[in-house]
């Protein structure tokens, strides 16, 4: 199980770095998720980042993830879900 989680962690972090998303989540089972989030300063990505900070969470899913798991199970999606789910930052237009 640890080797499987290590591969999933690598996949999630790599996907987060390459896509520029805010969060990347992998669903290992209905009770376990692997989630990586890009750390931000005051809600923003630094303009000239010298490093890429990642907050990694391995464990039980949060409320939003549980809602996604219920929808996936109703649709007949097998676990682990193959694609890493991404969340992007909402960009608001200035008035």
PDB file of N, CA and C in Angstrom:
ATOM      1  N   UNK A   1       0.826  -1.199   0.000  1.00  0.00           N
ATOM      2  CA  UNK A   1       0.000   0.000   0.000  1.00  0.00           C
ATOM      3  C   UNK A   1       0.868   1.259   0.000  1.00  0.00           C
ATOM      4  N   UNK A   2       1.982   1.252   0.733  1.00  0.00           N
ATOM      5  CA  UNK A   2       2.834   2.437   0.806  1.00  0.00           C
ATOM      6  C   UNK A   2       3.465   2.767  -0.539  1.00  0.00           C
ATOM      7  N   UNK A   3       3.849   1.727  -1.294  1.00  0.00           N
ATOM      8  CA  UNK A   3       4.436   1.953  -2.611  1.00  0.00           C
ATOM      9  C   UNK A   3       3.398   2.562  -3.561  1.00  0.00           C
ATOM     10  N   UNK A   4       2.170   2.098  -3.433  1.00  0.00           N
ATOM     11  CA  UNK A   4       1.080   2.619  -4.259  1.00  0.00           C
ATOM     12  C   UNK A   4       0.821   4.097  -3.929  1.00  0.00           C
ATOM     13  N   UNK A   5       0.790   4.429  -2.644  1.00  0.00           N
ATOM     14  CA  UNK A   5       0.572   5.813  -2.219  1.00  0.00           C
ATOM     15  C   UNK A   5       1.730   6.694  -2.686  1.00  0.00           C
ATOM     16  N   UNK A   6       2.963   6.177  -2.623  1.00  0.00           N
ATOM     17  CA  UNK A   6       4.130   6.963  -3.050  1.00  0.00           C
ATOM     18  C   UNK A   6       4.034   7.305  -4.534  1.00  0.00           C
ATOM     19  N   UNK A   7       3.588   6.374  -5.355  1.00  0.00           N
ATOM     20  CA  UNK A   7       3.422   6.648  -6.782  1.00  0.00           C
ATOM     21  C   UNK A   7       2.326   7.679  -7.022  1.00  0.00           C
ATOM     22  N   UNK A   8       1.243   7.569  -6.263  1.00  0.00           N
ATOM     23  CA  UNK A   8       0.137   8.516  -6.415  1.00  0.00           C
ATOM     24  C   UNK A   8       0.556   9.911  -5.976  1.00  0.00           C
ATOM     25  N   UNK A   9       1.332  10.010  -4.884  1.00  0.00           N
ATOM     26  CA  UNK A   9       1.825  11.309  -4.415  1.00  0.00           C
ATOM     27  C   UNK A   9       2.687  11.958  -5.492  1.00  0.00           C
ATOM     28  N   UNK A  10       3.573  11.191  -6.095  1.00  0.00           N
ATOM     29  CA  UNK A  10       4.408  11.719  -7.169  1.00  0.00           C
ATOM     30  C   UNK A  10       3.584  12.200  -8.352  1.00  0.00           C
ATOM     31  N   UNK A  11       2.564  11.433  -8.705  1.00  0.00           N
ATOM     32  CA  UNK A  11       1.698  11.804  -9.819  1.00  0.00           C
ATOM     33  C   UNK A  11       0.926  13.089  -9.522  1.00  0.00           C
ATOM     34  N   UNK A  12       0.412  13.214  -8.290  1.00  0.00           N
ATOM     35  CA  UNK A  12      -0.375  14.390  -7.922  1.00  0.00           C
ATOM     36  C   UNK A  12       0.496  15.645  -7.897  1.00  0.00           C
ATOM     37  N   UNK A  13       1.671  15.567  -7.298  1.00  0.00           N
ATOM     38  CA  UNK A  13       2.552  16.734  -7.204  1.00  0.00           C
ATOM     39  C   UNK A  13       3.052  17.135  -8.591  1.00  0.00           C
ATOM     40  N   UNK A  14       3.411  16.169  -9.419  1.00  0.00           N
ATOM     41  CA  UNK A  14       3.863  16.467 -10.779  1.00  0.00           C
ATOM     42  C   UNK A  14       2.761  17.137 -11.588  1.00  0.00           C
ATOM     43  N   UNK A  15       1.539  16.630 -11.470  1.00  0.00           N
ATOM     44  CA  UNK A  15       0.412  17.225 -12.181  1.00  0.00           C
ATOM     45  C   UNK A  15       0.168  18.655 -11.721  1.00  0.00           C
ATOM     46  N   UNK A  16       0.279  18.892 -10.411  1.00  0.00           N
ATOM     47  CA  UNK A  16       0.074  20.243  -9.876  1.00  0.00           C
ATOM     48  C   UNK A  16       1.117  21.210 -10.423  1.00  0.00           C
ATOM     49  N   UNK A  17       2.360  20.795 -10.470  1.00  0.00           N
ATOM     50  CA  UNK A  17       3.430  21.672 -10.943  1.00  0.00           C
ATOM     51  C   UNK A  17       3.302  21.951 -12.444  1.00  0.00           C
ATOM     52  N   UNK A  18       2.997  20.927 -13.226  1.00  0.00           N
ATOM     53  CA  UNK A  18       2.954  21.090 -14.682  1.00  0.00           C
ATOM     54  C   UNK A  18       1.728  21.862 -15.172  1.00  0.00           C
ATOM     55  N   UNK A  19       0.607  21.740 -14.472  1.00  0.00           N
ATOM     56  CA  UNK A  19      -0.619  22.385 -14.956  1.00  0.00           C
ATOM     57  C   UNK A  19      -0.827  23.783 -14.409  1.00  0.00           C
ATOM     58  N   UNK A  20      -0.235  24.100 -13.278  1.00  0.00           N
ATOM     59  CA  UNK A  20      -0.444  25.408 -12.675  1.00  0.00           C
ATOM     60  C   UNK A  20      -1.786  25.541 -11.982  1.00  0.00           C
ATOM     61  N   UNK A  21      -2.408  24.420 -11.639  1.00  0.00           N
ATOM     62  CA  UNK A  21      -3.696  24.439 -10.948  1.00  0.00           C
ATOM     63  C   UNK A  21      -3.502  24.822  -9.487  1.00  0.00           C
ATOM     64  N   UNK A  22      -4.598  25.122  -8.822  1.00  0.00           N
ATOM     65  CA  UNK A  22      -4.519  25.451  -7.396  1.00  0.00           C
ATOM     66  C   UNK A  22      -4.412  24.192  -6.555  1.00  0.00           C
ATOM     67  N   UNK A  23      -5.244  23.186  -6.843  1.00  0.00           N
ATOM     68  CA  UNK A  23      -5.173  21.917  -6.132  1.00  0.00           C
ATOM     69  C   UNK A  23      -5.267  20.771  -7.116  1.00  0.00           C
ATOM     70  N   UNK A  24      -4.671  19.656  -6.722  1.00  0.00           N
ATOM     71  CA  UNK A  24      -4.765  18.409  -7.478  1.00  0.00           C
ATOM     72  C   UNK A  24      -5.127  17.314  -6.487  1.00  0.00           C
ATOM     73  N   UNK A  25      -6.182  16.544  -6.793  1.00  0.00           N
ATOM     74  CA  UNK A  25      -6.673  15.528  -5.876  1.00  0.00           C
ATOM     75  C   UNK A  25      -6.758  14.193  -6.587  1.00  0.00           C
ATOM     76  N   UNK A  26      -6.233  13.148  -5.923  1.00  0.00           N
ATOM     77  CA  UNK A  26      -6.357  11.782  -6.418  1.00  0.00           C
ATOM     78  C   UNK A  26      -7.207  11.004  -5.425  1.00  0.00           C
ATOM     79  N   UNK A  27      -8.164  10.265  -5.933  1.00  0.00           N
ATOM     80  CA  UNK A  27      -9.058   9.477  -5.092  1.00  0.00           C
ATOM     81  C   UNK A  27      -8.595   8.029  -5.109  1.00  0.00           C
ATOM     82  N   UNK A  28      -8.002   7.584  -4.002  1.00  0.00           N
ATOM     83  CA  UNK A  28      -7.456   6.230  -3.899  1.00  0.00           C
ATOM     84  C   UNK A  28      -8.580   5.241  -3.619  1.00  0.00           C
ATOM     85  N   UNK A  29      -9.459   5.575  -2.704  1.00  0.00           N
ATOM     86  CA  UNK A  29     -10.616   4.760  -2.355  1.00  0.00           C
ATOM     87  C   UNK A  29     -11.703   5.708  -1.860  1.00  0.00           C
ATOM     88  N   UNK A  30     -12.898   5.209  -1.570  1.00  0.00           N
ATOM     89  CA  UNK A  30     -13.924   6.118  -1.056  1.00  0.00           C
ATOM     90  C   UNK A  30     -13.581   6.745   0.299  1.00  0.00           C
ATOM     91  N   UNK A  31     -12.596   6.197   0.998  1.00  0.00           N
ATOM     92  CA  UNK A  31     -12.238   6.735   2.311  1.00  0.00           C
ATOM     93  C   UNK A  31     -10.840   7.344   2.353  1.00  0.00           C
ATOM     94  N   UNK A  32     -10.090   7.336   1.239  1.00  0.00           N
ATOM     95  CA  UNK A  32      -8.734   7.882   1.222  1.00  0.00           C
ATOM     96  C   UNK A  32      -8.514   8.752  -0.018  1.00  0.00           C
ATOM     97  N   UNK A  33      -7.932   9.929   0.218  1.00  0.00           N
ATOM     98  CA  UNK A  33      -7.581  10.815  -0.882  1.00  0.00           C
ATOM     99  C   UNK A  33      -6.159  11.314  -0.692  1.00  0.00           C
ATOM    100  N   UNK A  34      -5.548  11.722  -1.802  1.00  0.00           N
ATOM    101  CA  UNK A  34      -4.239  12.372  -1.784  1.00  0.00           C
ATOM    102  C   UNK A  34      -4.436  13.714  -2.467  1.00  0.00           C
ATOM    103  N   UNK A  35      -4.125  14.790  -1.738  1.00  0.00           N
ATOM    104  CA  UNK A  35      -4.389  16.134  -2.256  1.00  0.00           C
ATOM    105  C   UNK A  35      -3.158  16.997  -2.084  1.00  0.00           C
ATOM    106  N   UNK A  36      -2.806  17.712  -3.145  1.00  0.00           N
ATOM    107  CA  UNK A  36      -1.685  18.655  -3.104  1.00  0.00           C
ATOM    108  C   UNK A  36      -2.209  20.033  -3.477  1.00  0.00           C
ATOM    109  N   UNK A  37      -1.828  21.034  -2.676  1.00  0.00           N
ATOM    110  CA  UNK A  37      -2.247  22.412  -2.913  1.00  0.00           C
ATOM    111  C   UNK A  37      -1.009  23.286  -3.024  1.00  0.00           C
ATOM    112  N   UNK A  38      -1.066  24.245  -3.923  1.00  0.00           N
ATOM    113  CA  UNK A  38       0.029  25.204  -4.038  1.00  0.00           C
ATOM    114  C   UNK A  38      -0.147  26.257  -2.963  1.00  0.00           C
ATOM    115  N   UNK A  39       0.891  26.495  -2.184  1.00  0.00           N
ATOM    116  CA  UNK A  39       0.829  27.507  -1.135  1.00  0.00           C
ATOM    117  C   UNK A  39       0.867  28.877  -1.767  1.00  0.00           C
ATOM    118  N   UNK A  40       0.117  29.787  -1.193  1.00  0.00           N
ATOM    119  CA  UNK A  40      -0.011  31.128  -1.734  1.00  0.00           C
ATOM    120  C   UNK A  40       0.285  32.156  -0.655  1.00  0.00           C
ATOM    121  N   UNK A  41       0.614  33.353  -1.092  1.00  0.00           N
ATOM    122  CA  UNK A  41       0.863  34.461  -0.179  1.00  0.00           C
ATOM    123  C   UNK A  41      -0.298  35.429  -0.326  1.00  0.00           C
ATOM    124  N   UNK A  42      -1.074  35.585   0.735  1.00  0.00           N
ATOM    125  CA  UNK A  42      -2.272  36.431   0.728  1.00  0.00           C
ATOM    126  C   UNK A  42      -3.223  36.059  -0.417  1.00  0.00           C
ATOM    127  N   UNK A  43      -3.345  34.777  -0.699  1.00  0.00           N
ATOM    128  CA  UNK A  43      -4.253  34.301  -1.727  1.00  0.00           C
ATOM    129  C   UNK A  43      -3.741  34.396  -3.142  1.00  0.00           C
ATOM    130  N   UNK A  44      -2.499  34.823  -3.323  1.00  0.00           N
ATOM    131  CA  UNK A  44      -1.948  34.992  -4.672  1.00  0.00           C
ATOM    132  C   UNK A  44      -0.656  34.198  -4.841  1.00  0.00           C
ATOM    133  N   UNK A  45      -0.399  33.848  -6.094  1.00  0.00           N
ATOM    134  CA  UNK A  45       0.861  33.210  -6.439  1.00  0.00           C
ATOM    135  C   UNK A  45       1.910  34.308  -6.549  1.00  0.00           C
ATOM    136  N   UNK A  46       3.100  34.141  -5.997  1.00  0.00           N
ATOM    137  CA  UNK A  46       4.134  35.172  -6.141  1.00  0.00           C
ATOM    138  C   UNK A  46       4.487  35.405  -7.614  1.00  0.00           C
ATOM    139  N   UNK A  47       4.798  36.653  -7.964  1.00  0.00           N
ATOM    140  CA  UNK A  47       5.107  36.965  -9.360  1.00  0.00           C
ATOM    141  C   UNK A  47       6.372  36.290  -9.845  1.00  0.00           C
ATOM    142  N   UNK A  48       7.404  36.329  -9.032  1.00  0.00           N
ATOM    143  CA  UNK A  48       8.676  35.719  -9.394  1.00  0.00           C
ATOM    144  C   UNK A  48       9.029  34.662  -8.350  1.00  0.00           C
ATOM    145  N   UNK A  49       8.376  33.509  -8.450  1.00  0.00           N
ATOM    146  CA  UNK A  49       8.615  32.504  -7.414  1.00  0.00           C
ATOM    147  C   UNK A  49      10.010  31.882  -7.535  1.00  0.00           C
ATOM    148  N   UNK A  50      10.691  31.823  -6.443  1.00  0.00           N
ATOM    149  CA  UNK A  50      12.001  31.162  -6.408  1.00  0.00           C
ATOM    150  C   UNK A  50      11.863  29.706  -6.003  1.00  0.00           C
ATOM    151  N   UNK A  51      10.720  29.391  -5.445  1.00  0.00           N
ATOM    152  CA  UNK A  51      10.454  28.010  -5.040  1.00  0.00           C
ATOM    153  C   UNK A  51       8.968  27.727  -5.208  1.00  0.00           C
ATOM    154  N   UNK A  52       8.628  26.468  -5.145  1.00  0.00           N
ATOM    155  CA  UNK A  52       7.243  26.032  -5.312  1.00  0.00           C
ATOM    156  C   UNK A  52       6.868  25.264  -4.053  1.00  0.00           C
ATOM    157  N   UNK A  53       6.094  25.881  -3.170  1.00  0.00           N
ATOM    158  CA  UNK A  53       5.684  25.240  -1.924  1.00  0.00           C
ATOM    159  C   UNK A  53       4.400  24.460  -2.150  1.00  0.00           C
ATOM    160  N   UNK A  54       4.368  23.229  -1.647  1.00  0.00           N
ATOM    161  CA  UNK A  54       3.208  22.368  -1.811  1.00  0.00           C
ATOM    162  C   UNK A  54       2.751  21.902  -0.435  1.00  0.00           C
ATOM    163  N   UNK A  55       1.455  21.979  -0.192  1.00  0.00           N
ATOM    164  CA  UNK A  55       0.858  21.447   1.009  1.00  0.00           C
ATOM    165  C   UNK A  55       0.222  20.110   0.634  1.00  0.00           C
ATOM    166  N   UNK A  56       0.716  19.016   1.194  1.00  0.00           N
ATOM    167  CA  UNK A  56       0.275  17.673   0.836  1.00  0.00           C
ATOM    168  C   UNK A  56      -0.593  17.101   1.948  1.00  0.00           C
ATOM    169  N   UNK A  57      -1.767  16.592   1.572  1.00  0.00           N
ATOM    170  CA  UNK A  57      -2.695  15.997   2.532  1.00  0.00           C
ATOM    171  C   UNK A  57      -3.017  14.582   2.078  1.00  0.00           C
ATOM    172  N   UNK A  58      -2.785  13.620   2.965  1.00  0.00           N
ATOM    173  CA  UNK A  58      -3.119  12.222   2.694  1.00  0.00           C
ATOM    174  C   UNK A  58      -4.051  11.777   3.810  1.00  0.00           C
ATOM    175  N   UNK A  59      -5.248  11.325   3.444  1.00  0.00           N
ATOM    176  CA  UNK A  59      -6.173  10.901   4.490  1.00  0.00           C
ATOM    177  C   UNK A  59      -7.603  10.877   4.019  1.00  0.00           C
ATOM    178  N   UNK A  60      -8.505  11.147   4.959  1.00  0.00           N
ATOM    179  CA  UNK A  60      -9.924  11.079   4.654  1.00  0.00           C
ATOM    180  C   UNK A  60     -10.350  12.291   3.824  1.00  0.00           C
ATOM    181  N   UNK A  61     -11.341  12.133   2.961  1.00  0.00           N
ATOM    182  CA  UNK A  61     -11.765  13.243   2.105  1.00  0.00           C
ATOM    183  C   UNK A  61     -12.545  14.301   2.876  1.00  0.00           C
ATOM    184  N   UNK A  62     -12.462  15.537   2.395  1.00  0.00           N
ATOM    185  CA  UNK A  62     -13.246  16.623   2.988  1.00  0.00           C
ATOM    186  C   UNK A  62     -14.660  16.590   2.399  1.00  0.00           C
ATOM    187  N   UNK A  63     -15.463  17.572   2.771  1.00  0.00           N
ATOM    188  CA  UNK A  63     -16.876  17.566   2.372  1.00  0.00           C
ATOM    189  C   UNK A  63     -17.040  17.600   0.858  1.00  0.00           C
ATOM    190  N   UNK A  64     -16.322  18.486   0.191  1.00  0.00           N
ATOM    191  CA  UNK A  64     -16.438  18.615  -1.266  1.00  0.00           C
ATOM    192  C   UNK A  64     -15.976  17.337  -1.967  1.00  0.00           C
ATOM    193  N   UNK A  65     -14.933  16.716  -1.438  1.00  0.00           N
ATOM    194  CA  UNK A  65     -14.441  15.465  -2.031  1.00  0.00           C
ATOM    195  C   UNK A  65     -15.444  14.332  -1.823  1.00  0.00           C
ATOM    196  N   UNK A  66     -16.100  14.306  -0.675  1.00  0.00           N
ATOM    197  CA  UNK A  66     -17.114  13.269  -0.435  1.00  0.00           C
ATOM    198  C   UNK A  66     -18.291  13.414  -1.385  1.00  0.00           C
ATOM    199  N   UNK A  67     -18.658  14.644  -1.711  1.00  0.00           N
ATOM    200  CA  UNK A  67     -19.728  14.857  -2.680  1.00  0.00           C
ATOM    201  C   UNK A  67     -19.317  14.330  -4.056  1.00  0.00           C
ATOM    202  N   UNK A  68     -18.053  14.561  -4.447  1.00  0.00           N
ATOM    203  CA  UNK A  68     -17.543  14.055  -5.723  1.00  0.00           C
ATOM    204  C   UNK A  68     -17.527  12.523  -5.718  1.00  0.00           C
ATOM    205  N   UNK A  69     -17.137  11.918  -4.593  1.00  0.00           N
ATOM    206  CA  UNK A  69     -17.079  10.456  -4.495  1.00  0.00           C
ATOM    207  C   UNK A  69     -18.473   9.861  -4.658  1.00  0.00           C
ATOM    208  N   UNK A  70     -19.477  10.477  -4.050  1.00  0.00           N
ATOM    209  CA  UNK A  70     -20.846   9.981  -4.195  1.00  0.00           C
ATOM    210  C   UNK A  70     -21.299  10.025  -5.647  1.00  0.00           C
ATOM    211  N   UNK A  71     -20.988  11.118  -6.335  1.00  0.00           N
ATOM    212  CA  UNK A  71     -21.367  11.243  -7.748  1.00  0.00           C
ATOM    213  C   UNK A  71     -20.623  10.217  -8.603  1.00  0.00           C
ATOM    214  N   UNK A  72     -19.352   9.992  -8.290  1.00  0.00           N
ATOM    215  CA  UNK A  72     -18.562   9.021  -9.058  1.00  0.00           C
ATOM    216  C   UNK A  72     -19.088   7.600  -8.846  1.00  0.00           C
ATOM    217  N   UNK A  73     -19.463   7.278  -7.623  1.00  0.00           N
ATOM    218  CA  UNK A  73     -20.001   5.947  -7.356  1.00  0.00           C
ATOM    219  C   UNK A  73     -21.344   5.737  -8.042  1.00  0.00           C
ATOM    220  N   UNK A  74     -22.180   6.769  -8.072  1.00  0.00           N
ATOM    221  CA  UNK A  74     -23.467   6.668  -8.765  1.00  0.00           C
ATOM    222  C   UNK A  74     -23.272   6.470 -10.262  1.00  0.00           C
ATOM    223  N   UNK A  75     -22.209   7.068 -10.798  1.00  0.00           N
ATOM    224  CA  UNK A  75     -21.915   6.943 -12.227  1.00  0.00           C
ATOM    225  C   UNK A  75     -21.235   5.613 -12.550  1.00  0.00           C
ATOM    226  N   UNK A  76     -20.830   4.853 -11.526  1.00  0.00           N
ATOM    227  CA  UNK A  76     -20.195   3.557 -11.753  1.00  0.00           C
ATOM    228  C   UNK A  76     -18.703   3.633 -11.987  1.00  0.00           C
ATOM    229  N   UNK A  77     -18.069   4.706 -11.542  1.00  0.00           N
ATOM    230  CA  UNK A  77     -16.623   4.877 -11.717  1.00  0.00           C
ATOM    231  C   UNK A  77     -15.886   3.975 -10.717  1.00  0.00           C
ATOM    232  N   UNK A  78     -14.948   3.134 -11.187  1.00  0.00           N
ATOM    233  CA  UNK A  78     -14.212   2.263 -10.257  1.00  0.00           C
ATOM    234  C   UNK A  78     -13.097   3.033  -9.541  1.00  0.00           C
ATOM    235  N   UNK A  79     -12.760   2.571  -8.344  1.00  0.00           N
ATOM    236  CA  UNK A  79     -11.667   3.171  -7.576  1.00  0.00           C
ATOM    237  C   UNK A  79     -10.432   2.310  -7.715  1.00  0.00           C
ATOM    238  N   UNK A  80      -9.237   2.904  -7.728  1.00  0.00           N
ATOM    239  CA  UNK A  80      -8.932   4.323  -7.669  1.00  0.00           C
ATOM    240  C   UNK A  80      -9.295   5.014  -8.980  1.00  0.00           C
ATOM    241  N   UNK A  81      -9.750   6.253  -8.875  1.00  0.00           N
ATOM    242  CA  UNK A  81     -10.105   7.032 -10.062  1.00  0.00           C
ATOM    243  C   UNK A  81      -8.815   7.399 -10.776  1.00  0.00           C
ATOM    244  N   UNK A  82      -8.738   7.100 -12.069  1.00  0.00           N
ATOM    245  CA  UNK A  82      -7.481   7.203 -12.810  1.00  0.00           C
ATOM    246  C   UNK A  82      -6.984   8.632 -12.992  1.00  0.00           C
ATOM    247  N   UNK A  83      -7.870   9.555 -13.284  1.00  0.00           N
ATOM    248  CA  UNK A  83      -7.454  10.935 -13.539  1.00  0.00           C
ATOM    249  C   UNK A  83      -7.345  11.726 -12.250  1.00  0.00           C
ATOM    250  N   UNK A  84      -6.369  12.588 -12.224  1.00  0.00           N
ATOM    251  CA  UNK A  84      -6.206  13.501 -11.100  1.00  0.00           C
ATOM    252  C   UNK A  84      -7.151  14.671 -11.314  1.00  0.00           C
ATOM    253  N   UNK A  85      -7.958  14.972 -10.316  1.00  0.00           N
ATOM    254  CA  UNK A  85      -8.935  16.052 -10.415  1.00  0.00           C
ATOM    255  C   UNK A  85      -8.260  17.375 -10.069  1.00  0.00           C
ATOM    256  N   UNK A  86      -8.442  18.384 -10.899  1.00  0.00           N
ATOM    257  CA  UNK A  86      -7.777  19.670 -10.726  1.00  0.00           C
ATOM    258  C   UNK A  86      -8.778  20.763 -10.380  1.00  0.00           C
ATOM    259  N   UNK A  87      -8.332  21.716  -9.575  1.00  0.00           N
ATOM    260  CA  UNK A  87      -9.113  22.907  -9.251  1.00  0.00           C
ATOM    261  C   UNK A  87      -8.259  24.113  -9.599  1.00  0.00           C
ATOM    262  N   UNK A  88      -8.834  25.045 -10.351  1.00  0.00           N
ATOM    263  CA  UNK A  88      -8.110  26.234 -10.758  1.00  0.00           C
ATOM    264  C   UNK A  88      -8.608  27.449  -9.981  1.00  0.00           C
ATOM    265  N   UNK A  89      -7.822  28.503 -10.002  1.00  0.00           N
ATOM    266  CA  UNK A  89      -8.179  29.746  -9.339  1.00  0.00           C
ATOM    267  C   UNK A  89      -9.169  30.501 -10.214  1.00  0.00           C
ATOM    268  N   UNK A  90     -10.210  31.034  -9.579  1.00  0.00           N
ATOM    269  CA  UNK A  90     -11.170  31.849 -10.321  1.00  0.00           C
ATOM    270  C   UNK A  90     -10.583  33.232 -10.517  1.00  0.00           C
ATOM    271  N   UNK A  91     -10.538  33.690 -11.753  1.00  0.00           N
ATOM    272  CA  UNK A  91     -10.015  35.018 -12.065  1.00  0.00           C
ATOM    273  C   UNK A  91     -11.204  35.927 -12.284  1.00  0.00           C
ATOM    274  N   UNK A  92     -11.288  36.976 -11.482  1.00  0.00           N
ATOM    275  CA  UNK A  92     -12.395  37.918 -11.601  1.00  0.00           C
ATOM    276  C   UNK A  92     -11.984  39.065 -12.525  1.00  0.00           C
ATOM    277  N   UNK A  93     -12.906  39.453 -13.381  1.00  0.00           N
ATOM    278  CA  UNK A  93     -12.644  40.589 -14.268  1.00  0.00           C
ATOM    279  C   UNK A  93     -12.755  41.886 -13.473  1.00  0.00           C
ATOM    280  N   UNK A  94     -11.874  42.798 -13.744  1.00  0.00           N
ATOM    281  CA  UNK A  94     -11.909  44.080 -13.053  1.00  0.00           C
ATOM    282  C   UNK A  94     -12.925  44.992 -13.716  1.00  0.00           C
ATOM    283  N   UNK A  95     -13.664  45.700 -12.899  1.00  0.00           N
ATOM    284  CA  UNK A  95     -14.699  46.594 -13.424  1.00  0.00           C
ATOM    285  C   UNK A  95     -14.163  47.974 -13.696  1.00  0.00           C
TER     286      UNK A  95
END
